[in-house]
Amino acid sequence: MIFILLIALVSLSEYIGDSNFKLYARSGQLNHLGMGLVAYAVMISFLIKALSRSNLIYANGMWDGVSAVITTVLAFLLLGERLTSIQQWIGLAMIIGGIFALHTGKIPK
C-alpha cells in the first residue's frame, strides 16, 4: 500500500511541476519555473523511495499510468482542459485497465 501511495505522490508532484512549467512557458514568470523545479525535485525523492520497494519495470509502468490519470483529472478540474474524441477517452480507459492489470499479484522486487 505504501508503494501505491508513493506512486501517487510521484504523479502528483509531476503534475504540479508540469502545470507550473506550462504557466512559466506562457507567462515567463520565474516563480512558476522555480515551483516547477522544486516539484520535480520532490518527485525524484518520492520516485527513489518507490524504487526501493519495487523493480524499475513495475514502478515505471505504474508511474506512467497513474500519472496519466492524475494529470488528466487535475487538468480537467483545475485547468479546464478536455479530451476531444472518443478515441482519447478509450485510450484513458485502457490506461486505467493497464494500471489494474499491472497491480495484479504481488509487487515485484
Protein backbone atom coordinates (compact mmCIF):
# COMPACT_ATOMS: atom_id res chain seq x y z
CA MET A 1 0.00 0.00 0.00
CA ILE A 2 2.89 2.36 0.73
CA PHE A 3 4.20 1.76 -2.79
CA ILE A 4 0.90 2.88 -4.35
CA LEU A 5 0.90 5.99 -2.15
CA LEU A 6 4.46 6.77 -3.25
CA ILE A 7 3.49 6.38 -6.92
CA ALA A 8 0.52 8.71 -6.37
CA LEU A 9 2.85 11.28 -4.75
CA VAL A 10 5.31 10.96 -7.65
CA SER A 11 2.46 11.58 -10.07
CA LEU A 12 1.01 14.49 -8.10
CA SER A 13 4.43 16.13 -7.84
CA GLU A 14 4.88 15.65 -11.57
CA TYR A 15 1.53 17.35 -12.25
CA ILE A 16 2.48 20.32 -10.05
CA GLY A 17 5.79 20.60 -11.88
CA ASP A 18 4.25 20.28 -15.33
CA SER A 19 1.48 22.78 -14.66
CA ASN A 20 3.98 25.30 -13.31
CA PHE A 21 6.24 24.78 -16.34
CA LYS A 22 3.20 25.42 -18.56
CA LEU A 23 2.47 28.65 -16.66
CA TYR A 24 6.12 29.68 -16.94
CA ALA A 25 6.15 28.95 -20.68
CA ARG A 26 3.11 31.17 -21.19
CA SER A 27 3.88 33.97 -18.74
CA GLY A 28 7.65 33.98 -18.33
CA GLN A 29 7.24 34.43 -14.56
CA LEU A 30 10.22 32.95 -12.80
CA ASN A 31 8.23 31.92 -9.74
CA HIS A 32 6.48 29.30 -11.89
CA LEU A 33 9.81 28.00 -13.13
CA GLY A 34 11.05 27.76 -9.54
CA MET A 35 7.91 25.94 -8.38
CA GLY A 36 8.21 23.52 -11.29
CA LEU A 37 11.83 22.73 -10.44
CA VAL A 38 11.02 22.23 -6.75
CA ALA A 39 8.10 19.94 -7.63
CA TYR A 40 10.37 17.84 -9.85
CA ALA A 41 12.97 17.58 -7.05
CA VAL A 42 10.22 16.34 -4.71
CA MET A 43 9.04 13.95 -7.43
CA ILE A 44 12.51 12.45 -7.73
CA SER A 45 12.72 11.87 -3.97
CA PHE A 46 9.37 10.03 -3.99
CA LEU A 47 10.45 8.03 -7.05
CA ILE A 48 13.64 6.92 -5.31
CA LYS A 49 11.59 5.73 -2.32
CA ALA A 50 9.21 3.86 -4.66
CA LEU A 51 12.13 2.20 -6.46
CA SER A 52 13.47 0.96 -3.12
CA ARG A 53 10.23 -1.05 -2.78
CA SER A 54 9.90 -2.42 -6.33
CA ASN A 55 11.70 -3.08 -9.58
CA LEU A 56 12.09 -0.46 -12.31
CA ILE A 57 9.73 -2.07 -14.82
CA TYR A 58 6.81 -2.21 -12.40
CA ALA A 59 7.46 1.20 -10.82
CA ASN A 60 7.79 2.94 -14.18
CA GLY A 61 4.67 1.29 -15.59
CA MET A 62 2.61 2.23 -12.55
CA TRP A 63 4.02 5.77 -12.53
CA ASP A 64 3.22 6.28 -16.23
CA GLY A 65 -0.33 5.03 -15.81
CA VAL A 66 -1.17 6.73 -12.54
CA SER A 67 0.44 9.95 -13.74
CA ALA A 68 -1.68 9.95 -16.89
CA VAL A 69 -4.87 9.53 -14.88
CA ILE A 70 -3.99 12.07 -12.17
CA THR A 71 -2.81 14.61 -14.74
CA THR A 72 -5.94 14.15 -16.83
CA VAL A 73 -8.28 14.57 -13.86
CA LEU A 74 -6.46 17.60 -12.45
CA ALA A 75 -6.06 19.27 -15.85
CA PHE A 76 -9.80 18.73 -16.40
CA LEU A 77 -10.77 20.13 -12.98
CA LEU A 78 -8.19 22.86 -12.47
CA LEU A 79 -7.17 23.98 -15.95
CA GLY A 80 -10.41 23.35 -17.82
CA GLU A 81 -8.66 21.16 -20.39
CA ARG A 82 -10.65 18.47 -22.20
CA LEU A 83 -10.13 15.34 -24.25
CA THR A 84 -11.71 15.91 -27.66
CA SER A 85 -12.54 12.49 -29.10
CA ILE A 86 -13.96 9.13 -28.13
CA GLN A 87 -10.61 7.54 -29.06
CA GLN A 88 -8.87 9.66 -26.41
CA TRP A 89 -11.42 8.55 -23.78
CA ILE A 90 -10.93 4.92 -24.84
CA GLY A 91 -7.17 5.39 -24.52
CA LEU A 92 -7.61 6.74 -21.00
CA ALA A 93 -9.83 3.77 -20.11
CA MET A 94 -7.13 1.43 -21.45
CA ILE A 95 -4.52 3.16 -19.26
CA ILE A 96 -6.75 2.62 -16.21
CA GLY A 97 -7.16 -1.04 -17.21
CA GLY A 98 -3.39 -1.30 -17.54
CA ILE A 99 -2.89 0.02 -14.01
CA PHE A 100 -5.22 -2.65 -12.65
CA ALA A 101 -3.52 -5.34 -14.75
CA LEU A 102 -0.07 -4.30 -13.53
CA HIS A 103 -1.28 -4.33 -9.94
CA THR A 104 -2.40 -7.98 -10.04
CA GLY A 105 -0.29 -10.24 -7.91
CA LYS A 106 2.39 -9.06 -5.54
CA ILE A 107 4.63 -6.07 -6.15
CA PRO A 108 7.86 -7.35 -7.76
CA LYS A 109 11.14 -6.56 -6.02
